[in-house]
Amino acid sequence: MSNTMQACLFNTDASSSAELCRHVRSLPLVRFVSEVCNEQELANVLDQMRINLVFFHLDPTPERVTELIEEVAQQFPHVGMIAISENTNPNAILAPIRAGCDQYVCKPIEPSDLSAAVARIASKRFTTQTRSQCICVTGASGGSGATSIATNLAMEFGLATAKPVALIDLDFQFGDLAVNFDIEPKYTVFDAASMAGDMDATVLGNILTKGPCNVSLLPRPNTIEQTEGITQEAVHQIIAMLGESFETVIIDVPRHINPCSFAALSQSDKVLVICQLLVPSIRNAQRLVQSLARLGIPEDRIEVVANRGDSHGGRITLGDLGTLIGKPVFASVPNDYLYVARSIDFGKPLASQDGKMNPVRTEIQKIARRIAEGAEVEEQADSKRGFLGRFLTK
């Protein structure tokens, strides 16, 4: 899970300053430090501050700025760099890349393009000492069972590790996580977002609602109107702060990609796309997987889970699903609709039912184990390469 990156903007074109600063400030993974307009100012910022990322506006002097990029790449190899220009000529794009720049974004700037560029840099360059992992669960279609899987996955992590697990509901309008636990929370994600700028671990801990099996819940807002007060930046800060206190953060992400859901997806170590073996659901899963990859989420962190995957009578098999999405299905949760529906109606997730086992719960346990074991292997591999933690997403 990533921490916010400190960034500066190098720009010699005063007429573009307002627009460029607005785009950089809107990025969920970035804390904008300053704008500089000459080499000396940039050198001072890089020497005196812990800058992770520099945005270079190439226009109107691309050759001069490209030479500066090459110097920064040599003297500050740990700093990520993004070039921005209106020039779409292939040679113009290659020049700063060859000089050491990580990404190139064309003007007029599309916010999603800039966000994806930042996400790719964070994934490749930056590391974190925290051992926490962020798992996003999202459905490919309505009724796919994503919320139920997110709920029970959080509880299985809590039981397996005997450590607290954070569970967040990002479906601000119609989220059901609190209902699944049959609890009436005192505080919600709206309260956390309202004080995001003044938040610390103690305050955030008091806002969370304690649930069974070591799960701490941050539910959706109490009213639909409150959703308008929750910003992308606030969601990013909340998730990053939870990552400092919890080894596992699980997020129920709505199907539609918006700035707040992207703030979660961009910090994810694993994205589970839940679908059924039905043509509309599978088409949506294909569409969602492709979109996440374009947004900069590494493809090896996007997994598809078939829910009710043993349902009989359908024409599509798990093998067909794997072929259609271009990779093996990560897991298949069997169908036991009455058992799961009963647990939801009574607000008793599967893992809280006195240790009773069921094929559905068994498969969700396996999913938790695979994710946990994969994270451990990745940590060990990074350690052997001299890194302190796992590569960030985004």
Protein backbone atom coordinates (compact mmCIF):
# COMPACT_ATOMS: atom_id res chain seq x y z
CA MET A 1 0.00 0.00 0.00
CA SER A 2 1.39 3.37 -0.98
CA ASN A 3 2.00 6.53 0.97
CA THR A 4 1.40 9.95 -0.56
CA MET A 5 4.27 11.07 -2.79
CA GLN A 6 5.72 14.55 -2.50
CA ALA A 7 5.88 16.18 -5.91
CA CYS A 8 6.96 19.41 -7.56
CA LEU A 9 6.26 20.92 -10.96
CA PHE A 10 8.94 22.35 -13.25
CA ASN A 11 7.31 24.88 -15.55
CA THR A 12 8.71 27.88 -17.42
CA ASP A 13 5.43 28.80 -19.12
CA ALA A 14 3.52 31.14 -16.79
CA SER A 15 0.36 30.94 -18.91
CA SER A 16 0.08 27.19 -18.21
CA SER A 17 0.76 27.41 -14.49
CA ALA A 18 -2.81 27.49 -13.18
CA GLU A 19 -3.99 24.54 -15.27
CA LEU A 20 -0.94 22.38 -14.55
CA CYS A 21 -1.07 23.05 -10.81
CA ARG A 22 -4.77 22.21 -10.77
CA HIS A 23 -4.15 18.84 -12.41
CA VAL A 24 -1.26 17.94 -10.08
CA ARG A 25 -3.20 18.96 -6.96
CA SER A 26 -6.11 16.74 -7.98
CA LEU A 27 -4.01 13.55 -8.06
CA PRO A 28 -4.88 11.10 -5.26
CA LEU A 29 -1.34 9.80 -4.73
CA VAL A 30 0.38 13.17 -4.72
CA ARG A 31 1.08 15.93 -2.23
CA PHE A 32 1.97 18.99 -4.31
CA VAL A 33 4.95 20.79 -2.73
CA SER A 34 5.85 23.61 -5.10
CA GLU A 35 6.14 24.90 -8.66
CA VAL A 36 9.60 25.96 -9.86
CA CYS A 37 10.56 27.78 -13.02
CA ASN A 38 14.36 27.43 -13.30
CA GLU A 39 17.16 24.95 -12.71
CA GLN A 40 18.38 26.54 -9.48
CA GLU A 41 14.94 26.46 -7.85
CA LEU A 42 14.54 22.82 -8.85
CA ALA A 43 17.97 21.94 -7.44
CA ASN A 44 17.08 23.63 -4.15
CA VAL A 45 13.80 21.75 -3.84
CA LEU A 46 15.41 18.40 -4.64
CA ASP A 47 18.25 19.03 -2.17
CA GLN A 48 16.15 20.35 0.69
CA MET A 49 12.94 18.32 0.49
CA ARG A 50 12.11 14.65 0.13
CA ILE A 51 10.72 14.85 -3.38
CA ASN A 52 9.50 11.59 -4.91
CA LEU A 53 8.14 12.87 -8.20
CA VAL A 54 8.79 15.78 -10.60
CA PHE A 55 6.39 16.86 -13.35
CA PHE A 56 8.31 18.49 -16.21
CA HIS A 57 6.36 20.78 -18.54
CA LEU A 58 8.39 20.58 -21.74
CA ASP A 59 6.77 23.48 -23.57
CA PRO A 60 7.88 25.87 -24.95
CA THR A 61 11.55 24.73 -24.76
CA PRO A 62 11.54 20.92 -24.94
CA GLU A 63 15.26 20.57 -25.72
CA ARG A 64 16.30 22.57 -22.67
CA VAL A 65 13.91 20.73 -20.36
CA THR A 66 14.98 17.35 -21.76
CA GLU A 67 18.60 18.17 -20.89
CA LEU A 68 17.45 19.01 -17.36
CA ILE A 69 15.61 15.70 -17.13
CA GLU A 70 18.83 13.88 -18.01
CA GLU A 71 20.71 15.74 -15.26
CA VAL A 72 18.04 14.96 -12.67
CA ALA A 73 18.02 11.29 -13.70
CA GLN A 74 21.78 11.10 -13.08
CA GLN A 75 21.90 13.04 -9.81
CA PHE A 76 18.59 11.94 -8.27
CA PRO A 77 17.93 8.41 -9.59
CA HIS A 78 15.33 7.76 -6.88
CA VAL A 79 13.06 10.55 -8.18
CA GLY A 80 10.26 9.65 -10.59
CA MET A 81 9.64 11.96 -13.55
CA ILE A 82 6.67 12.68 -15.81
CA ALA A 83 6.97 14.82 -18.96
CA ILE A 84 3.99 16.87 -20.12
CA SER A 85 3.73 18.41 -23.59
CA GLU A 86 1.34 19.19 -26.41
CA ASN A 87 3.74 17.57 -28.91
CA THR A 88 2.54 14.10 -29.98
CA ASN A 89 5.34 13.40 -32.44
CA PRO A 90 6.92 9.99 -31.64
CA ASN A 91 10.44 11.43 -31.63
CA ALA A 92 9.36 14.20 -29.26
CA ILE A 93 7.92 11.58 -26.91
CA LEU A 94 11.00 9.36 -27.06
CA ALA A 95 13.50 12.14 -26.30
CA PRO A 96 12.57 12.70 -22.62
CA ILE A 97 12.02 8.96 -22.11
CA ARG A 98 15.55 8.26 -23.34
CA ALA A 99 16.82 11.03 -21.07
CA GLY A 100 15.44 9.14 -18.07
CA CYS A 101 11.82 10.25 -17.78
CA ASP A 102 9.38 7.55 -16.64
CA GLN A 103 6.17 8.65 -18.34
CA TYR A 104 4.94 11.07 -21.03
CA VAL A 105 1.49 12.70 -20.89
CA CYS A 106 0.09 14.66 -23.81
CA LYS A 107 -1.85 17.89 -23.61
CA PRO A 108 -4.69 18.63 -23.29
CA ILE A 109 -4.33 16.61 -20.12
CA GLU A 110 -6.85 13.89 -19.39
CA PRO A 111 -6.99 13.40 -15.59
CA SER A 112 -7.18 9.62 -15.99
CA ASP A 113 -4.02 9.62 -18.15
CA LEU A 114 -2.10 11.63 -15.58
CA SER A 115 -3.36 9.44 -12.73
CA ALA A 116 -2.36 6.30 -14.61
CA ALA A 117 1.11 7.70 -15.24
CA VAL A 118 1.57 8.39 -11.53
CA ALA A 119 0.27 4.93 -10.68
CA ARG A 120 2.76 3.24 -13.00
CA ILE A 121 5.66 5.15 -11.53
CA ALA A 122 4.66 4.33 -7.96
CA SER A 123 4.31 0.67 -8.88
CA LYS A 124 7.77 0.46 -10.43
CA ARG A 125 9.86 2.83 -8.32
CA PHE A 126 8.68 3.33 -4.80
CA THR A 127 8.69 1.08 -1.78
CA THR A 128 7.15 1.21 1.65
CA GLN A 129 8.21 -0.20 4.99
CA THR A 130 4.69 -1.02 6.05
CA ARG A 131 3.71 -4.68 5.81
CA SER A 132 0.06 -3.82 5.29
CA GLN A 133 -1.84 -4.92 2.23
CA CYS A 134 -4.89 -3.38 0.62
CA ILE A 135 -7.42 -5.66 -1.04
CA CYS A 136 -10.21 -4.19 -3.15
CA VAL A 137 -13.29 -6.26 -3.90
CA THR A 138 -15.65 -5.15 -6.67
CA GLY A 139 -18.48 -6.74 -8.57
CA ALA A 140 -18.68 -7.04 -12.34
CA SER A 141 -22.48 -6.85 -12.18
CA GLY A 142 -25.26 -6.19 -9.74
CA GLY A 143 -25.95 -9.08 -7.39
CA SER A 144 -22.57 -10.70 -8.03
CA GLY A 145 -21.97 -11.15 -4.30
CA ALA A 146 -18.97 -8.83 -3.98
CA THR A 147 -20.11 -7.32 -0.67
CA SER A 148 -20.70 -10.73 0.87
CA ILE A 149 -17.27 -11.93 -0.24
CA ALA A 150 -15.60 -8.75 1.05
CA THR A 151 -17.33 -9.17 4.42
CA ASN A 152 -16.37 -12.78 4.87
CA LEU A 153 -12.88 -12.31 3.48
CA ALA A 154 -12.20 -9.65 6.11
CA MET A 155 -13.37 -12.01 8.85
CA GLU A 156 -11.24 -14.87 7.59
CA PHE A 157 -8.16 -12.62 7.62
CA GLY A 158 -9.04 -11.54 11.15
CA LEU A 159 -9.40 -15.11 12.37
CA ALA A 160 -6.33 -16.42 10.57
CA THR A 161 -4.00 -13.67 11.76
CA ALA A 162 -5.64 -12.95 15.13
CA LYS A 163 -5.01 -9.29 14.28
CA PRO A 164 -7.42 -6.41 13.53
CA VAL A 165 -8.58 -6.02 9.94
CA ALA A 166 -10.04 -2.79 8.53
CA LEU A 167 -13.11 -3.10 6.29
CA ILE A 168 -14.30 -0.04 4.34
CA ASP A 169 -17.57 0.48 2.45
CA LEU A 170 -17.01 2.78 -0.54
CA ASP A 171 -20.49 2.28 -1.96
CA PHE A 172 -21.52 5.61 -0.48
CA GLN A 173 -25.12 5.50 -1.65
CA PHE A 174 -26.25 1.90 -1.16
CA GLY A 175 -23.50 0.04 0.69
CA ASP A 176 -24.57 -2.95 2.79
CA LEU A 177 -21.56 -3.80 4.95
CA ALA A 178 -23.13 -2.56 8.19
CA VAL A 179 -26.30 -4.52 7.40
CA ASN A 180 -24.26 -7.67 6.88
CA PHE A 181 -23.03 -7.31 10.47
CA ASP A 182 -26.44 -6.21 11.81
CA ILE A 183 -24.89 -3.16 13.48
CA GLU A 184 -25.85 0.50 13.75
CA PRO A 185 -22.54 2.36 13.52
CA LYS A 186 -22.10 5.63 15.36
CA TYR A 187 -19.66 7.01 12.78
CA THR A 188 -19.22 6.51 9.05
CA VAL A 189 -16.77 7.22 6.25
CA PHE A 190 -18.39 10.67 6.01
CA ASP A 191 -17.20 11.51 9.52
CA ALA A 192 -13.70 10.28 8.71
CA ALA A 193 -13.62 12.29 5.46
CA SER A 194 -14.88 15.41 7.23
CA MET A 195 -11.83 15.48 9.45
CA ALA A 196 -9.31 13.88 7.10
CA GLY A 197 -6.98 16.85 7.33
CA ASP A 198 -6.85 16.61 11.14
CA MET A 199 -6.98 12.83 11.36
CA ASP A 200 -4.54 10.74 13.36
CA ALA A 201 -4.45 7.05 14.22
CA THR A 202 -6.21 7.56 17.56
CA VAL A 203 -9.09 9.55 16.09
CA LEU A 204 -9.52 7.13 13.21
CA GLY A 205 -9.52 4.19 15.62
CA ASN A 206 -12.38 5.79 17.56
CA ILE A 207 -14.41 6.31 14.40
CA LEU A 208 -14.22 2.65 13.38
CA THR A 209 -16.97 0.29 14.52
CA LYS A 210 -15.79 -2.97 16.07
CA GLY A 211 -17.29 -6.09 14.55
CA PRO A 212 -16.78 -9.83 15.13
CA CYS A 213 -13.62 -11.75 14.25
CA ASN A 214 -11.23 -8.79 14.67
CA VAL A 215 -12.95 -6.72 11.96
CA SER A 216 -13.13 -2.93 12.34
CA LEU A 217 -15.70 -1.39 10.02
CA LEU A 218 -15.91 2.02 8.36
CA PRO A 219 -19.41 1.97 6.82
CA ARG A 220 -21.08 4.12 4.17
CA PRO A 221 -22.56 7.55 5.04
CA ASN A 222 -25.91 7.68 6.81
CA THR A 223 -27.56 9.69 4.03
CA ILE A 224 -27.12 9.86 0.28
CA GLU A 225 -26.66 13.63 0.49
CA GLN A 226 -23.53 13.20 2.60
CA THR A 227 -21.74 11.51 -0.30
CA GLU A 228 -21.23 14.89 -1.95
CA GLY A 229 -18.92 15.94 0.90
CA ILE A 230 -16.45 13.07 0.42
CA THR A 231 -13.48 13.85 -1.79
CA GLN A 232 -10.98 11.67 -3.59
CA GLU A 233 -8.15 13.10 -1.52
CA ALA A 234 -9.96 12.33 1.75
CA VAL A 235 -10.53 8.71 0.71
CA HIS A 236 -6.88 8.35 -0.22
CA GLN A 237 -5.76 9.76 3.15
CA ILE A 238 -8.11 7.50 5.09
CA ILE A 239 -6.88 4.36 3.33
CA ALA A 240 -3.23 5.36 3.69
CA MET A 241 -3.70 6.00 7.41
CA LEU A 242 -5.51 2.71 7.94
CA GLY A 243 -2.55 1.02 6.27
CA GLU A 244 -0.31 2.37 9.03
CA SER A 245 -2.47 0.78 11.76
CA PHE A 246 -3.76 -2.42 10.13
CA GLU A 247 -1.85 -5.18 8.38
CA THR A 248 -4.88 -5.84 6.19
CA VAL A 249 -7.31 -3.32 4.72
CA ILE A 250 -10.23 -4.69 2.69
CA ILE A 251 -12.39 -2.33 0.66
CA ASP A 252 -15.80 -2.98 -0.86
CA VAL A 253 -15.58 -0.89 -4.06
CA PRO A 254 -18.68 -0.03 -6.12
CA ARG A 255 -18.90 -1.24 -9.69
CA HIS A 256 -18.63 2.23 -11.24
CA ILE A 257 -15.17 3.78 -11.34
CA ASN A 258 -15.20 7.31 -9.97
CA PRO A 259 -12.52 9.48 -8.32
CA CYS A 260 -13.16 8.02 -4.84
CA SER A 261 -13.11 4.40 -6.01
CA PHE A 262 -9.95 5.09 -8.01
CA ALA A 263 -8.34 6.45 -4.84
CA ALA A 264 -8.82 2.96 -3.39
CA LEU A 265 -7.99 0.95 -6.49
CA SER A 266 -4.77 2.90 -7.02
CA GLN A 267 -3.57 1.82 -3.56
CA SER A 268 -4.54 -1.81 -3.90
CA ASP A 269 -2.18 -4.76 -3.64
CA LYS A 270 -4.91 -7.00 -5.01
CA VAL A 271 -8.16 -6.26 -6.85
CA LEU A 272 -10.72 -9.06 -6.83
CA VAL A 273 -13.31 -8.73 -9.60
CA ILE A 274 -16.33 -10.85 -8.65
CA CYS A 275 -18.45 -12.19 -11.49
CA GLN A 276 -20.88 -14.98 -12.27
CA LEU A 277 -20.81 -17.48 -15.11
CA LEU A 278 -23.32 -15.46 -17.09
CA VAL A 279 -22.62 -13.62 -20.34
CA PRO A 280 -23.52 -10.09 -19.09
CA SER A 281 -21.42 -10.53 -15.95
CA ILE A 282 -18.44 -11.91 -17.85
CA ARG A 283 -18.57 -9.12 -20.43
CA ASN A 284 -18.56 -6.58 -17.62
CA ALA A 285 -15.64 -8.41 -15.98
CA GLN A 286 -13.66 -8.20 -19.24
CA ARG A 287 -14.46 -4.52 -19.53
CA LEU A 288 -13.52 -3.81 -15.92
CA VAL A 289 -10.24 -5.75 -16.04
CA GLN A 290 -9.18 -3.91 -19.19
CA SER A 291 -10.13 -0.54 -17.70
CA LEU A 292 -8.18 -1.18 -14.50
CA ALA A 293 -5.11 -2.09 -16.53
CA ARG A 294 -5.41 1.12 -18.56
CA LEU A 295 -5.65 3.09 -15.32
CA GLY A 296 -2.27 1.75 -14.31
CA ILE A 297 -3.18 -1.11 -11.98
CA PRO A 298 -0.59 -3.86 -12.65
CA GLU A 299 -2.29 -6.76 -14.39
CA ASP A 300 -0.80 -9.33 -12.02
CA ARG A 301 -2.70 -7.68 -9.16
CA ILE A 302 -6.08 -7.95 -10.87
CA GLU A 303 -7.82 -11.28 -10.28
CA VAL A 304 -11.23 -12.59 -11.29
CA VAL A 305 -13.26 -14.68 -8.84
CA ALA A 306 -16.26 -16.66 -10.04
CA ASN A 307 -19.08 -16.54 -7.50
CA ARG A 308 -21.63 -19.37 -7.57
CA GLY A 309 -19.10 -20.94 -9.87
CA ASP A 310 -20.46 -24.48 -9.59
CA SER A 311 -23.96 -23.53 -10.74
CA HIS A 312 -25.32 -26.14 -13.13
CA GLY A 313 -27.19 -25.55 -16.34
CA GLY A 314 -25.06 -22.73 -17.73
CA ARG A 315 -23.20 -22.89 -21.01
CA ILE A 316 -20.04 -21.22 -19.71
CA THR A 317 -17.34 -23.03 -17.74
CA LEU A 318 -14.51 -21.72 -15.58
CA GLY A 319 -12.14 -22.57 -18.42
CA ASP A 320 -14.22 -20.43 -20.78
CA LEU A 321 -14.11 -17.56 -18.30
CA GLY A 322 -10.33 -17.83 -18.00
CA THR A 323 -9.97 -17.76 -21.78
CA LEU A 324 -12.22 -14.73 -22.12
CA ILE A 325 -10.40 -12.65 -19.49
CA GLY A 326 -6.96 -13.79 -20.65
CA LYS A 327 -5.77 -15.41 -17.40
CA PRO A 328 -6.77 -18.30 -15.11
CA VAL A 329 -9.68 -17.70 -12.75
CA PHE A 330 -8.24 -16.89 -9.32
CA ALA A 331 -10.92 -18.77 -7.37
CA SER A 332 -14.42 -20.19 -7.67
CA VAL A 333 -16.85 -19.80 -4.77
CA PRO A 334 -19.55 -22.49 -4.85
CA ASN A 335 -23.26 -21.78 -4.89
CA ASP A 336 -25.23 -22.08 -1.66
CA TYR A 337 -27.69 -19.25 -2.05
CA LEU A 338 -29.98 -20.10 0.87
CA TYR A 339 -27.11 -20.47 3.32
CA VAL A 340 -25.51 -17.17 2.32
CA ALA A 341 -28.84 -15.31 2.11
CA ARG A 342 -29.73 -16.48 5.61
CA SER A 343 -26.44 -15.21 6.99
CA ILE A 344 -27.07 -11.79 5.39
CA ASP A 345 -30.68 -11.57 6.60
CA PHE A 346 -29.67 -12.29 10.18
CA GLY A 347 -26.53 -10.13 10.05
CA LYS A 348 -24.28 -13.08 10.86
CA PRO A 349 -21.44 -13.52 8.32
CA LEU A 350 -20.30 -17.08 7.76
CA ALA A 351 -17.21 -16.94 9.97
CA SER A 352 -19.23 -15.71 12.96
CA GLN A 353 -21.55 -18.72 13.02
CA ASP A 354 -19.91 -20.67 15.85
CA GLY A 355 -17.15 -22.08 13.68
CA LYS A 356 -19.55 -23.87 11.35
CA MET A 357 -17.98 -24.83 8.05
CA ASN A 358 -19.57 -24.77 4.65
CA PRO A 359 -18.14 -25.08 1.11
CA VAL A 360 -18.66 -21.33 0.58
CA ARG A 361 -16.71 -20.42 3.69
CA THR A 362 -14.03 -23.01 2.89
CA GLU A 363 -13.37 -21.41 -0.50
CA ILE A 364 -13.23 -17.89 0.95
CA GLN A 365 -10.68 -19.17 3.49
CA LYS A 366 -8.62 -20.46 0.57
CA ILE A 367 -8.78 -17.04 -1.11
CA ALA A 368 -7.53 -15.38 2.07
CA ARG A 369 -4.72 -17.92 2.37
CA ARG A 370 -3.62 -17.46 -1.24
CA ILE A 371 -3.48 -13.69 -0.90
CA ALA A 372 -1.63 -13.87 2.41
CA GLU A 373 0.88 -16.40 1.11
CA GLY A 374 1.41 -14.38 -2.07
CA ALA A 375 2.14 -11.25 -0.04
CA GLU A 376 4.62 -13.14 2.12
CA VAL A 377 6.46 -14.53 -0.90
CA GLU A 378 6.61 -11.05 -2.45
CA GLU A 379 8.01 -9.56 0.76
CA GLN A 380 10.70 -12.23 0.93
CA ALA A 381 11.67 -11.68 -2.70
CA ASP A 382 11.90 -7.92 -2.21
CA SER A 383 13.99 -8.44 0.91
CA LYS A 384 16.48 -10.52 -1.04
CA ARG A 385 16.78 -7.68 -3.53
CA GLY A 386 17.56 -5.27 -0.71
CA PHE A 387 14.19 -3.58 -0.47
CA LEU A 388 12.38 -2.94 2.80
CA GLY A 389 8.88 -3.73 1.66
CA ARG A 390 6.63 -4.67 -1.20
CA PHE A 391 6.36 -2.69 -4.40
CA LEU A 392 3.52 -0.20 -4.30
CA THR A 393 0.64 -0.31 -6.65
CA LYS A 394 -0.47 2.72 -8.35
